[in-house]
Amino acid sequence: MKVTVYTDGAARGNPDGPGGYGAVLTYVDSKGNEHIRELSEGFEKTTNNRMELMAAIAALEALIKPCEVDLYSDSKYLTDAFNKGWIDSWIKRGWKKADKSPVLNIDLWQRLLKAAGPHKITWIWVKGHAGNPLNERCDTLATEAADRLHRDL
């Protein structure tokens, strides 16, 4: 099954404020019907990068069988990790960056790798806030999730 995924993360008061993620999953079934699923969640103390990763994790964990996935993100942190081979280098170096400092968010990178495992994923960077309707929708989902927590704190 071919699935298109858009993701985004947001944080208010980065790095210790509330944040949220948004994801939109779409696919067309064998009868030509389009199916859309939206995911979002807020977190009390987080960073934008953690929310970018959580958006991709939530989307991939929502898939119940192996899929061919085009995953769009406006996060170079996320897409470059795969497209430029950073993640493979981090793993080879025991989760250290080239400068020998520890990779941040190891827990989420490991969870993302597990979620990605069954799927064939193409990681695609999309410019944020540039009018792409699904990217804009993810931004709205992410910021609304963060803002709900911000109001409640």
Protein backbone atom coordinates (compact mmCIF):
# COMPACT_ATOMS: atom_id res chain seq x y z
CA MET A 1 0.00 0.00 0.00
CA LYS A 2 1.27 3.46 -0.92
CA VAL A 3 0.83 6.07 1.84
CA THR A 4 1.63 9.77 1.80
CA VAL A 5 2.53 11.29 5.16
CA TYR A 6 3.05 14.93 6.10
CA THR A 7 4.46 15.80 9.52
CA ASP A 8 5.31 18.85 11.59
CA GLY A 9 6.33 19.71 15.12
CA ALA A 10 6.04 22.87 17.20
CA ALA A 11 7.29 24.06 20.57
CA ARG A 12 6.40 27.14 22.56
CA GLY A 13 9.25 28.43 24.66
CA ASN A 14 11.70 26.00 23.06
CA PRO A 15 13.42 24.15 24.77
CA ASP A 16 11.35 23.84 27.93
CA GLY A 17 7.86 24.92 26.95
CA PRO A 18 4.86 22.98 25.74
CA GLY A 19 4.92 21.53 22.26
CA GLY A 20 2.97 19.40 19.88
CA TYR A 21 3.08 17.45 16.68
CA GLY A 22 0.76 17.01 13.75
CA ALA A 23 0.65 14.37 11.05
CA VAL A 24 -1.64 13.75 8.10
CA LEU A 25 -1.70 10.33 6.45
CA THR A 26 -3.41 9.79 3.11
CA TYR A 27 -3.86 6.84 0.80
CA VAL A 28 -6.08 5.86 -2.09
CA ASP A 29 -7.69 2.43 -1.86
CA SER A 30 -8.21 -0.01 -4.73
CA LYS A 31 -11.60 1.56 -5.50
CA GLY A 32 -10.05 5.01 -5.90
CA ASN A 33 -11.35 6.37 -2.59
CA GLU A 34 -9.02 8.67 -0.69
CA HIS A 35 -8.63 8.09 3.04
CA ILE A 36 -7.22 10.74 5.36
CA ARG A 37 -6.17 10.35 8.99
CA GLU A 38 -4.94 13.17 11.19
CA LEU A 39 -2.84 12.70 14.33
CA SER A 40 -1.74 15.22 16.94
CA GLU A 41 -0.66 15.32 20.55
CA GLY A 42 0.78 17.86 22.95
CA PHE A 43 3.62 17.53 25.46
CA GLU A 44 4.36 19.71 28.49
CA LYS A 45 8.14 20.23 28.27
CA THR A 46 9.79 19.58 24.94
CA THR A 47 11.69 20.94 21.97
CA ASN A 48 10.79 21.56 18.37
CA ASN A 49 13.16 18.80 17.21
CA ARG A 50 11.57 16.27 19.56
CA MET A 51 8.15 17.16 18.19
CA GLU A 52 9.37 16.81 14.59
CA LEU A 53 10.55 13.30 15.43
CA MET A 54 7.35 12.45 17.32
CA ALA A 55 5.23 13.43 14.32
CA ALA A 56 7.07 10.94 12.11
CA ILE A 57 7.01 8.27 14.83
CA ALA A 58 3.27 8.63 15.42
CA ALA A 59 2.52 8.44 11.71
CA LEU A 60 4.64 5.36 11.12
CA GLU A 61 3.40 3.61 14.26
CA ALA A 62 -0.18 4.15 13.03
CA LEU A 63 0.46 1.97 9.96
CA ILE A 64 -0.69 -1.58 10.62
CA LYS A 65 1.14 -3.34 7.78
CA PRO A 66 4.28 -2.67 5.73
CA CYS A 67 3.77 0.24 3.36
CA GLU A 68 5.56 2.27 0.76
CA VAL A 69 5.67 5.71 2.37
CA ASP A 70 6.45 9.16 1.02
CA LEU A 71 7.08 11.10 4.22
CA TYR A 72 7.17 14.90 3.85
CA SER A 73 8.64 17.09 6.58
CA ASP A 74 9.81 20.68 6.80
CA SER A 75 12.49 19.51 9.24
CA LYS A 76 15.97 19.16 7.76
CA TYR A 77 16.92 17.62 11.12
CA LEU A 78 14.63 14.71 10.27
CA THR A 79 15.02 14.36 6.50
CA ASP A 80 18.78 14.97 6.37
CA ALA A 81 19.38 12.35 9.06
CA PHE A 82 18.19 9.74 6.56
CA ASN A 83 18.96 11.33 3.20
CA LYS A 84 22.52 12.34 4.11
CA GLY A 85 23.27 9.16 6.04
CA TRP A 86 23.76 10.88 9.40
CA ILE A 87 21.80 8.24 11.26
CA ASP A 88 23.94 5.39 9.90
CA SER A 89 27.08 7.26 10.98
CA TRP A 90 25.64 7.96 14.43
CA ILE A 91 24.86 4.28 14.93
CA LYS A 92 28.33 3.20 13.74
CA ARG A 93 29.89 5.63 16.22
CA GLY A 94 27.73 4.46 19.13
CA TRP A 95 25.26 7.37 18.87
CA LYS A 96 27.99 9.98 18.68
CA LYS A 97 28.22 12.82 16.17
CA ALA A 98 31.33 13.45 14.07
CA ASP A 99 32.68 15.77 16.78
CA LYS A 100 32.30 12.88 19.29
CA SER A 101 29.48 14.64 21.18
CA PRO A 102 26.39 12.58 21.94
CA VAL A 103 23.47 12.62 19.52
CA LEU A 104 20.47 14.37 21.03
CA ASN A 105 17.11 12.63 21.26
CA ILE A 106 18.55 9.11 21.00
CA ASP A 107 15.39 7.68 22.55
CA LEU A 108 13.26 9.10 19.75
CA TRP A 109 15.71 8.24 16.96
CA GLN A 110 15.69 4.63 18.16
CA ARG A 111 11.90 4.59 18.36
CA LEU A 112 11.72 6.10 14.87
CA LEU A 113 14.05 3.46 13.45
CA LYS A 114 11.86 0.73 14.95
CA ALA A 115 8.69 2.35 13.55
CA ALA A 116 10.32 2.78 10.13
CA GLY A 117 11.62 -0.79 10.02
CA PRO A 118 8.76 -2.53 8.19
CA HIS A 119 8.28 0.23 5.63
CA LYS A 120 9.98 1.49 2.48
CA ILE A 121 10.25 5.22 3.19
CA THR A 122 11.23 8.10 0.97
CA TRP A 123 12.13 11.08 3.19
CA ILE A 124 11.16 14.32 1.43
CA TRP A 125 11.92 17.82 2.66
CA VAL A 126 9.25 20.43 1.98
CA LYS A 127 9.65 24.14 2.65
CA GLY A 128 7.57 25.12 5.67
CA HIS A 129 5.06 27.96 5.63
CA ALA A 130 5.15 28.02 1.84
CA GLY A 131 1.50 27.29 1.12
CA ASN A 132 1.60 23.48 0.85
CA PRO A 133 -1.89 22.59 2.14
CA LEU A 134 -0.94 19.37 3.97
CA ASN A 135 2.19 20.90 5.49
CA GLU A 136 0.11 23.86 6.64
CA ARG A 137 -2.48 21.48 8.12
CA CYS A 138 0.23 19.66 10.08
CA ASP A 139 1.51 22.99 11.36
CA THR A 140 -1.99 23.87 12.55
CA LEU A 141 -2.40 20.49 14.27
CA ALA A 142 1.00 20.84 15.97
CA THR A 143 0.55 24.42 17.14
CA GLU A 144 -3.01 23.79 18.36
CA ALA A 145 -1.78 20.80 20.40
CA ALA A 146 1.01 22.94 21.90
CA ASP A 147 -1.33 25.87 22.56
CA ARG A 148 -3.90 23.66 24.32
CA LEU A 149 -1.19 22.67 26.80
CA HIS A 150 0.10 26.24 27.05
CA ARG A 151 -3.39 27.43 28.10
CA ASP A 152 -3.69 24.61 30.64
CA LEU A 153 -0.32 25.18 32.32
